Amino acid sequence: MNAVVFEHVPVAELPQKWREKLASAGSATVTVRIEEEAQAAPAEEFTTDDPAFGIWRDREDMADVAAYVRKIRQPRYNRDGSRNEH
């Protein structure tokens, strides 16, 4: 990573927005370090050769996944999360 360092810079010579963030002013000096920001790696697109991947994507009864799961769990569990004893 590249960095540029400026030492003993008078606060009065800093940009206005930087001066506003510093409590001290007047004849004070500061060290300014400017670093290059790390670039985020581009996200790779998920791919697979598995023929079973996505076989249920066209099922209309699973369009709302949360509702579908609630429906299939309903006979086994009560609303409070306890097991339904039959």
PDB file of N, CA and C in Angstrom:
ATOM      1  N   MET A   1       0.849  -1.163   0.000  1.00  0.00           N
ATOM      2  CA  MET A   1       0.000   0.000   0.000  1.00  0.00           C
ATOM      3  C   MET A   1       0.900   1.233   0.000  1.00  0.00           C
ATOM      4  N   ASN A   2       0.568   2.192  -0.798  1.00  0.00           N
ATOM      5  CA  ASN A   2       1.329   3.428  -0.877  1.00  0.00           C
ATOM      6  C   ASN A   2       0.807   4.421   0.144  1.00  0.00           C
ATOM      7  N   ALA A   3       1.723   5.185   0.740  1.00  0.00           N
ATOM      8  CA  ALA A   3       1.348   6.224   1.691  1.00  0.00           C
ATOM      9  C   ALA A   3       2.245   7.434   1.484  1.00  0.00           C
ATOM     10  N   VAL A   4       1.673   8.622   1.701  1.00  0.00           N
ATOM     11  CA  VAL A   4       2.411   9.864   1.647  1.00  0.00           C
ATOM     12  C   VAL A   4       2.293  10.490   3.033  1.00  0.00           C
ATOM     13  N   VAL A   5       3.422  10.921   3.605  1.00  0.00           N
ATOM     14  CA  VAL A   5       3.425  11.505   4.939  1.00  0.00           C
ATOM     15  C   VAL A   5       3.983  12.927   4.867  1.00  0.00           C
ATOM     16  N   PHE A   6       3.244  13.884   5.435  1.00  0.00           N
ATOM     17  CA  PHE A   6       3.684  15.270   5.544  1.00  0.00           C
ATOM     18  C   PHE A   6       3.820  15.556   7.033  1.00  0.00           C
ATOM     19  N   GLU A   7       5.036  15.873   7.480  1.00  0.00           N
ATOM     20  CA  GLU A   7       5.276  16.132   8.895  1.00  0.00           C
ATOM     21  C   GLU A   7       5.392  17.629   9.151  1.00  0.00           C
ATOM     22  N   HIS A   8       5.006  18.013  10.365  1.00  0.00           N
ATOM     23  CA  HIS A   8       5.144  19.400  10.842  1.00  0.00           C
ATOM     24  C   HIS A   8       4.368  20.385   9.974  1.00  0.00           C
ATOM     25  N   VAL A   9       3.141  20.020   9.614  1.00  0.00           N
ATOM     26  CA  VAL A   9       2.289  20.901   8.805  1.00  0.00           C
ATOM     27  C   VAL A   9       1.538  21.829   9.761  1.00  0.00           C
ATOM     28  N   PRO A  10       1.648  23.153   9.573  1.00  0.00           N
ATOM     29  CA  PRO A  10       0.885  24.077  10.419  1.00  0.00           C
ATOM     30  C   PRO A  10      -0.619  23.864  10.215  1.00  0.00           C
ATOM     31  N   VAL A  11      -1.365  23.850  11.322  1.00  0.00           N
ATOM     32  CA  VAL A  11      -2.818  23.637  11.243  1.00  0.00           C
ATOM     33  C   VAL A  11      -3.456  24.696  10.351  1.00  0.00           C
ATOM     34  N   ALA A  12      -2.943  25.888  10.371  1.00  0.00           N
ATOM     35  CA  ALA A  12      -3.502  26.972   9.563  1.00  0.00           C
ATOM     36  C   ALA A  12      -3.423  26.687   8.066  1.00  0.00           C
ATOM     37  N   GLU A  13      -2.537  25.793   7.647  1.00  0.00           N
ATOM     38  CA  GLU A  13      -2.387  25.478   6.224  1.00  0.00           C
ATOM     39  C   GLU A  13      -3.254  24.299   5.777  1.00  0.00           C
ATOM     40  N   LEU A  14      -3.957  23.691   6.704  1.00  0.00           N
ATOM     41  CA  LEU A  14      -4.828  22.554   6.354  1.00  0.00           C
ATOM     42  C   LEU A  14      -6.112  23.060   5.713  1.00  0.00           C
ATOM     43  N   PRO A  15      -6.784  22.211   4.945  1.00  0.00           N
ATOM     44  CA  PRO A  15      -8.095  22.596   4.411  1.00  0.00           C
ATOM     45  C   PRO A  15      -9.071  22.914   5.551  1.00  0.00           C
ATOM     46  N   GLN A  16     -10.014  23.786   5.293  1.00  0.00           N
ATOM     47  CA  GLN A  16     -10.972  24.250   6.303  1.00  0.00           C
ATOM     48  C   GLN A  16     -11.678  23.096   7.006  1.00  0.00           C
ATOM     49  N   LYS A  17     -12.146  22.105   6.272  1.00  0.00           N
ATOM     50  CA  LYS A  17     -12.874  20.978   6.882  1.00  0.00           C
ATOM     51  C   LYS A  17     -11.979  20.186   7.824  1.00  0.00           C
ATOM     52  N   TRP A  18     -10.711  20.093   7.525  1.00  0.00           N
ATOM     53  CA  TRP A  18      -9.776  19.385   8.406  1.00  0.00           C
ATOM     54  C   TRP A  18      -9.545  20.202   9.673  1.00  0.00           C
ATOM     55  N   ARG A  19      -9.388  21.529   9.514  1.00  0.00           N
ATOM     56  CA  ARG A  19      -9.160  22.392  10.672  1.00  0.00           C
ATOM     57  C   ARG A  19     -10.332  22.326  11.637  1.00  0.00           C
ATOM     58  N   GLU A  20     -11.544  22.218  11.105  1.00  0.00           N
ATOM     59  CA  GLU A  20     -12.736  22.169  11.953  1.00  0.00           C
ATOM     60  C   GLU A  20     -12.762  20.919  12.839  1.00  0.00           C
ATOM     61  N   LYS A  21     -12.120  19.845  12.398  1.00  0.00           N
ATOM     62  CA  LYS A  21     -12.108  18.600  13.163  1.00  0.00           C
ATOM     63  C   LYS A  21     -11.049  18.582  14.261  1.00  0.00           C
ATOM     64  N   LEU A  22     -10.112  19.502  14.198  1.00  0.00           N
ATOM     65  CA  LEU A  22      -9.049  19.563  15.199  1.00  0.00           C
ATOM     66  C   LEU A  22      -9.427  20.536  16.310  1.00  0.00           C
ATOM     67  N   ALA A  23      -9.237  20.114  17.540  1.00  0.00           N
ATOM     68  CA  ALA A  23      -9.576  20.971  18.677  1.00  0.00           C
ATOM     69  C   ALA A  23      -8.588  22.127  18.821  1.00  0.00           C
ATOM     70  N   SER A  24      -7.324  21.844  18.587  1.00  0.00           N
ATOM     71  CA  SER A  24      -6.311  22.898  18.757  1.00  0.00           C
ATOM     72  C   SER A  24      -6.117  23.655  17.444  1.00  0.00           C
ATOM     73  N   ALA A  25      -5.694  24.880  17.577  1.00  0.00           N
ATOM     74  CA  ALA A  25      -5.435  25.696  16.383  1.00  0.00           C
ATOM     75  C   ALA A  25      -4.211  26.550  16.658  1.00  0.00           C
ATOM     76  N   GLY A  26      -4.108  27.638  15.967  1.00  0.00           N
ATOM     77  CA  GLY A  26      -2.994  28.549  16.205  1.00  0.00           C
ATOM     78  C   GLY A  26      -1.718  28.051  15.573  1.00  0.00           C
ATOM     79  N   SER A  27      -0.660  27.987  16.372  1.00  0.00           N
ATOM     80  CA  SER A  27       0.658  27.629  15.844  1.00  0.00           C
ATOM     81  C   SER A  27       0.946  26.130  15.930  1.00  0.00           C
ATOM     82  N   ALA A  28      -0.052  25.325  16.222  1.00  0.00           N
ATOM     83  CA  ALA A  28       0.146  23.876  16.329  1.00  0.00           C
ATOM     84  C   ALA A  28       0.511  23.289  14.969  1.00  0.00           C
ATOM     85  N   THR A  29       1.268  22.191  15.009  1.00  0.00           N
ATOM     86  CA  THR A  29       1.611  21.478  13.778  1.00  0.00           C
ATOM     87  C   THR A  29       1.112  20.046  13.893  1.00  0.00           C
ATOM     88  N   VAL A  30       0.884  19.436  12.747  1.00  0.00           N
ATOM     89  CA  VAL A  30       0.367  18.070  12.706  1.00  0.00           C
ATOM     90  C   VAL A  30       1.136  17.260  11.674  1.00  0.00           C
ATOM     91  N   THR A  31       0.974  15.961  11.740  1.00  0.00           N
ATOM     92  CA  THR A  31       1.513  15.065  10.724  1.00  0.00           C
ATOM     93  C   THR A  31       0.320  14.530   9.938  1.00  0.00           C
ATOM     94  N   VAL A  32       0.371  14.647   8.632  1.00  0.00           N
ATOM     95  CA  VAL A  32      -0.713  14.195   7.760  1.00  0.00           C
ATOM     96  C   VAL A  32      -0.233  12.962   7.018  1.00  0.00           C
ATOM     97  N   ARG A  33      -0.980  11.878   7.132  1.00  0.00           N
ATOM     98  CA  ARG A  33      -0.650  10.635   6.429  1.00  0.00           C
ATOM     99  C   ARG A  33      -1.803  10.318   5.488  1.00  0.00           C
ATOM    100  N   ILE A  34      -1.492  10.178   4.231  1.00  0.00           N
ATOM    101  CA  ILE A  34      -2.508   9.885   3.220  1.00  0.00           C
ATOM    102  C   ILE A  34      -2.187   8.511   2.647  1.00  0.00           C
ATOM    103  N   GLU A  35      -3.139   7.590   2.819  1.00  0.00           N
ATOM    104  CA  GLU A  35      -2.952   6.222   2.330  1.00  0.00           C
ATOM    105  C   GLU A  35      -3.951   5.917   1.232  1.00  0.00           C
ATOM    106  N   GLU A  36      -3.522   5.088   0.334  1.00  0.00           N
ATOM    107  CA  GLU A  36      -4.408   4.625  -0.733  1.00  0.00           C
ATOM    108  C   GLU A  36      -5.394   3.631  -0.130  1.00  0.00           C
ATOM    109  N   GLU A  37      -6.674   3.798  -0.434  1.00  0.00           N
ATOM    110  CA  GLU A  37      -7.682   2.884   0.083  1.00  0.00           C
ATOM    111  C   GLU A  37      -7.578   1.544  -0.625  1.00  0.00           C
ATOM    112  N   ALA A  38      -7.759   0.487   0.146  1.00  0.00           N
ATOM    113  CA  ALA A  38      -7.732  -0.855  -0.433  1.00  0.00           C
ATOM    114  C   ALA A  38      -8.955  -1.030  -1.319  1.00  0.00           C
ATOM    115  N   GLN A  39      -8.741  -1.559  -2.483  1.00  0.00           N
ATOM    116  CA  GLN A  39      -9.843  -1.797  -3.406  1.00  0.00           C
ATOM    117  C   GLN A  39     -10.485  -3.138  -3.092  1.00  0.00           C
ATOM    118  N   ALA A  40     -11.793  -3.147  -3.007  1.00  0.00           N
ATOM    119  CA  ALA A  40     -12.508  -4.391  -2.756  1.00  0.00           C
ATOM    120  C   ALA A  40     -12.395  -5.285  -3.987  1.00  0.00           C
ATOM    121  N   ALA A  41     -12.170  -6.550  -3.737  1.00  0.00           N
ATOM    122  CA  ALA A  41     -12.088  -7.501  -4.847  1.00  0.00           C
ATOM    123  C   ALA A  41     -13.460  -7.619  -5.499  1.00  0.00           C
ATOM    124  N   PRO A  42     -13.511  -7.649  -6.818  1.00  0.00           N
ATOM    125  CA  PRO A  42     -14.817  -7.790  -7.472  1.00  0.00           C
ATOM    126  C   PRO A  42     -15.455  -9.123  -7.095  1.00  0.00           C
ATOM    127  N   ALA A  43     -16.752  -9.068  -6.821  1.00  0.00           N
ATOM    128  CA  ALA A  43     -17.482 -10.273  -6.434  1.00  0.00           C
ATOM    129  C   ALA A  43     -17.570 -11.218  -7.630  1.00  0.00           C
ATOM    130  N   GLU A  44     -17.231 -12.456  -7.376  1.00  0.00           N
ATOM    131  CA  GLU A  44     -17.316 -13.443  -8.442  1.00  0.00           C
ATOM    132  C   GLU A  44     -18.741 -13.980  -8.515  1.00  0.00           C
ATOM    133  N   GLU A  45     -19.210 -14.173  -9.699  1.00  0.00           N
ATOM    134  CA  GLU A  45     -20.547 -14.699  -9.894  1.00  0.00           C
ATOM    135  C   GLU A  45     -20.547 -16.184  -9.559  1.00  0.00           C
ATOM    136  N   PHE A  46     -21.575 -16.608  -8.813  1.00  0.00           N
ATOM    137  CA  PHE A  46     -21.673 -18.004  -8.413  1.00  0.00           C
ATOM    138  C   PHE A  46     -22.077 -18.851  -9.613  1.00  0.00           C
ATOM    139  N   THR A  47     -21.307 -19.876  -9.873  1.00  0.00           N
ATOM    140  CA  THR A  47     -21.641 -20.804 -10.942  1.00  0.00           C
ATOM    141  C   THR A  47     -21.405 -22.219 -10.450  1.00  0.00           C
ATOM    142  N   THR A  48     -22.142 -23.138 -11.025  1.00  0.00           N
ATOM    143  CA  THR A  48     -21.974 -24.539 -10.670  1.00  0.00           C
ATOM    144  C   THR A  48     -22.317 -25.401 -11.883  1.00  0.00           C
ATOM    145  N   ASP A  49     -21.705 -26.543 -11.931  1.00  0.00           N
ATOM    146  CA  ASP A  49     -22.000 -27.496 -12.997  1.00  0.00           C
ATOM    147  C   ASP A  49     -22.979 -28.565 -12.535  1.00  0.00           C
ATOM    148  N   ASP A  50     -23.438 -28.457 -11.283  1.00  0.00           N
ATOM    149  CA  ASP A  50     -24.338 -29.464 -10.723  1.00  0.00           C
ATOM    150  C   ASP A  50     -25.711 -29.342 -11.389  1.00  0.00           C
ATOM    151  N   PRO A  51     -26.177 -30.382 -12.081  1.00  0.00           N
ATOM    152  CA  PRO A  51     -27.469 -30.302 -12.772  1.00  0.00           C
ATOM    153  C   PRO A  51     -28.655 -30.191 -11.811  1.00  0.00           C
ATOM    154  N   ALA A  52     -28.476 -30.553 -10.536  1.00  0.00           N
ATOM    155  CA  ALA A  52     -29.575 -30.471  -9.574  1.00  0.00           C
ATOM    156  C   ALA A  52     -29.763 -29.062  -9.031  1.00  0.00           C
ATOM    157  N   PHE A  53     -28.783 -28.190  -9.240  1.00  0.00           N
ATOM    158  CA  PHE A  53     -28.883 -26.835  -8.708  1.00  0.00           C
ATOM    159  C   PHE A  53     -29.996 -26.076  -9.417  1.00  0.00           C
ATOM    160  N   GLY A  54     -30.946 -25.552  -8.644  1.00  0.00           N
ATOM    161  CA  GLY A  54     -32.036 -24.747  -9.194  1.00  0.00           C
ATOM    162  C   GLY A  54     -33.199 -25.532  -9.770  1.00  0.00           C
ATOM    163  N   ILE A  55     -33.309 -26.821  -9.465  1.00  0.00           N
ATOM    164  CA  ILE A  55     -34.383 -27.610 -10.084  1.00  0.00           C
ATOM    165  C   ILE A  55     -35.761 -27.204  -9.590  1.00  0.00           C
ATOM    166  N   TRP A  56     -35.861 -26.523  -8.429  1.00  0.00           N
ATOM    167  CA  TRP A  56     -37.159 -26.114  -7.915  1.00  0.00           C
ATOM    168  C   TRP A  56     -37.456 -24.643  -8.175  1.00  0.00           C
ATOM    169  N   ARG A  57     -36.638 -23.941  -8.920  1.00  0.00           N
ATOM    170  CA  ARG A  57     -36.812 -22.504  -9.079  1.00  0.00           C
ATOM    171  C   ARG A  57     -38.126 -22.120  -9.771  1.00  0.00           C
ATOM    172  N   ASP A  58     -38.702 -23.014 -10.562  1.00  0.00           N
ATOM    173  CA  ASP A  58     -39.936 -22.697 -11.287  1.00  0.00           C
ATOM    174  C   ASP A  58     -41.196 -23.162 -10.567  1.00  0.00           C
ATOM    175  N   ARG A  59     -41.073 -23.646  -9.332  1.00  0.00           N
ATOM    176  CA  ARG A  59     -42.240 -24.128  -8.591  1.00  0.00           C
ATOM    177  C   ARG A  59     -43.052 -22.948  -8.085  1.00  0.00           C
ATOM    178  N   GLU A  60     -44.297 -22.847  -8.546  1.00  0.00           N
ATOM    179  CA  GLU A  60     -45.162 -21.737  -8.158  1.00  0.00           C
ATOM    180  C   GLU A  60     -45.552 -21.800  -6.693  1.00  0.00           C
ATOM    181  N   ASP A  61     -45.642 -23.013  -6.120  1.00  0.00           N
ATOM    182  CA  ASP A  61     -46.027 -23.130  -4.718  1.00  0.00           C
ATOM    183  C   ASP A  61     -44.910 -22.683  -3.769  1.00  0.00           C
ATOM    184  N   MET A  62     -43.712 -22.434  -4.289  1.00  0.00           N
ATOM    185  CA  MET A  62     -42.594 -21.983  -3.468  1.00  0.00           C
ATOM    186  C   MET A  62     -42.167 -20.557  -3.812  1.00  0.00           C
ATOM    187  N   ALA A  63     -43.037 -19.788  -4.425  1.00  0.00           N
ATOM    188  CA  ALA A  63     -42.687 -18.407  -4.775  1.00  0.00           C
ATOM    189  C   ALA A  63     -42.391 -17.596  -3.523  1.00  0.00           C
ATOM    190  N   ASP A  64     -43.179 -17.782  -2.461  1.00  0.00           N
ATOM    191  CA  ASP A  64     -42.931 -17.153  -1.163  1.00  0.00           C
ATOM    192  C   ASP A  64     -42.336 -18.223  -0.263  1.00  0.00           C
ATOM    193  N   VAL A  65     -41.022 -18.260  -0.178  1.00  0.00           N
ATOM    194  CA  VAL A  65     -40.322 -19.335   0.531  1.00  0.00           C
ATOM    195  C   VAL A  65     -40.700 -19.372   1.997  1.00  0.00           C
ATOM    196  N   ALA A  66     -40.751 -18.215   2.666  1.00  0.00           N
ATOM    197  CA  ALA A  66     -41.073 -18.178   4.099  1.00  0.00           C
ATOM    198  C   ALA A  66     -42.469 -18.748   4.358  1.00  0.00           C
ATOM    199  N   ALA A  67     -43.439 -18.398   3.522  1.00  0.00           N
ATOM    200  CA  ALA A  67     -44.798 -18.922   3.697  1.00  0.00           C
ATOM    201  C   ALA A  67     -44.826 -20.427   3.448  1.00  0.00           C
ATOM    202  N   TYR A  68     -44.082 -20.895   2.474  1.00  0.00           N
ATOM    203  CA  TYR A  68     -44.048 -22.320   2.176  1.00  0.00           C
ATOM    204  C   TYR A  68     -43.476 -23.110   3.355  1.00  0.00           C
ATOM    205  N   VAL A  69     -42.398 -22.610   3.928  1.00  0.00           N
ATOM    206  CA  VAL A  69     -41.783 -23.310   5.065  1.00  0.00           C
ATOM    207  C   VAL A  69     -42.718 -23.300   6.273  1.00  0.00           C
ATOM    208  N   ARG A  70     -43.384 -22.153   6.540  1.00  0.00           N
ATOM    209  CA  ARG A  70     -44.355 -22.119   7.649  1.00  0.00           C
ATOM    210  C   ARG A  70     -45.439 -23.158   7.435  1.00  0.00           C
ATOM    211  N   LYS A  71     -45.900 -23.288   6.197  1.00  0.00           N
ATOM    212  CA  LYS A  71     -46.972 -24.229   5.882  1.00  0.00           C
ATOM    213  C   LYS A  71     -46.543 -25.674   6.133  1.00  0.00           C
ATOM    214  N   ILE A  72     -45.332 -26.037   5.715  1.00  0.00           N
ATOM    215  CA  ILE A  72     -44.924 -27.432   5.908  1.00  0.00           C
ATOM    216  C   ILE A  72     -44.530 -27.720   7.352  1.00  0.00           C
ATOM    217  N   ARG A  73     -44.150 -26.699   8.122  1.00  0.00           N
ATOM    218  CA  ARG A  73     -43.799 -26.898   9.528  1.00  0.00           C
ATOM    219  C   ARG A  73     -45.016 -26.876  10.445  1.00  0.00           C
ATOM    220  N   GLN A  74     -46.099 -26.289  10.007  1.00  0.00           N
ATOM    221  CA  GLN A  74     -47.276 -26.104  10.849  1.00  0.00           C
ATOM    222  C   GLN A  74     -47.755 -27.390  11.522  1.00  0.00           C
ATOM    223  N   PRO A  75     -47.860 -28.517  10.842  1.00  0.00           N
ATOM    224  CA  PRO A  75     -48.345 -29.714  11.520  1.00  0.00           C
ATOM    225  C   PRO A  75     -47.387 -30.217  12.614  1.00  0.00           C
ATOM    226  N   ARG A  76     -46.116 -29.852  12.559  1.00  0.00           N
ATOM    227  CA  ARG A  76     -45.148 -30.377  13.518  1.00  0.00           C
ATOM    228  C   ARG A  76     -44.904 -29.474  14.712  1.00  0.00           C
ATOM    229  N   TYR A  77     -45.165 -28.168  14.588  1.00  0.00           N
ATOM    230  CA  TYR A  77     -44.825 -27.238  15.659  1.00  0.00           C
ATOM    231  C   TYR A  77     -46.006 -26.339  16.006  1.00  0.00           C
ATOM    232  N   ASN A  78     -46.099 -25.965  17.276  1.00  0.00           N
ATOM    233  CA  ASN A  78     -47.100 -25.001  17.738  1.00  0.00           C
ATOM    234  C   ASN A  78     -46.559 -23.602  17.496  1.00  0.00           C
ATOM    235  N   ARG A  79     -47.421 -22.591  17.633  1.00  0.00           N
ATOM    236  CA  ARG A  79     -47.003 -21.210  17.383  1.00  0.00           C
ATOM    237  C   ARG A  79     -45.905 -20.742  18.328  1.00  0.00           C
ATOM    238  N   ASP A  80     -45.839 -21.329  19.544  1.00  0.00           N
ATOM    239  CA  ASP A  80     -44.801 -20.929  20.491  1.00  0.00           C
ATOM    240  C   ASP A  80     -43.477 -21.638  20.245  1.00  0.00           C
ATOM    241  N   GLY A  81     -43.406 -22.473  19.213  1.00  0.00           N
ATOM    242  CA  GLY A  81     -42.184 -23.177  18.865  1.00  0.00           C
ATOM    243  C   GLY A  81     -42.053 -24.559  19.471  1.00  0.00           C
ATOM    244  N   SER A  82     -42.990 -24.914  20.355  1.00  0.00           N
ATOM    245  CA  SER A  82     -42.933 -26.249  20.958  1.00  0.00           C
ATOM    246  C   SER A  82     -43.398 -27.300  19.974  1.00  0.00           C
ATOM    247  N   ARG A  83     -42.964 -28.511  20.201  1.00  0.00           N
ATOM    248  CA  ARG A  83     -43.305 -29.627  19.307  1.00  0.00           C
ATOM    249  C   ARG A  83     -44.774 -29.969  19.459  1.00  0.00           C
ATOM    250  N   ASN A  84     -45.446 -30.199  18.360  1.00  0.00           N
ATOM    251  CA  ASN A  84     -46.850 -30.594  18.350  1.00  0.00           C
ATOM    252  C   ASN A  84     -46.937 -32.090  18.560  1.00  0.00           C
ATOM    253  N   GLU A  85     -47.504 -32.518  19.651  1.00  0.00           N
ATOM    254  CA  GLU A  85     -47.641 -33.955  19.957  1.00  0.00           C
ATOM    255  C   GLU A  85     -48.972 -34.451  19.405  1.00  0.00           C
ATOM    256  N   HIS A  86     -48.927 -35.445  18.539  1.00  0.00           N
ATOM    257  CA  HIS A  86     -50.168 -36.025  17.985  1.00  0.00           C
ATOM    258  C   HIS A  86     -50.478 -37.315  18.648  1.00  0.00           C
TER     259      HIS A  86
END
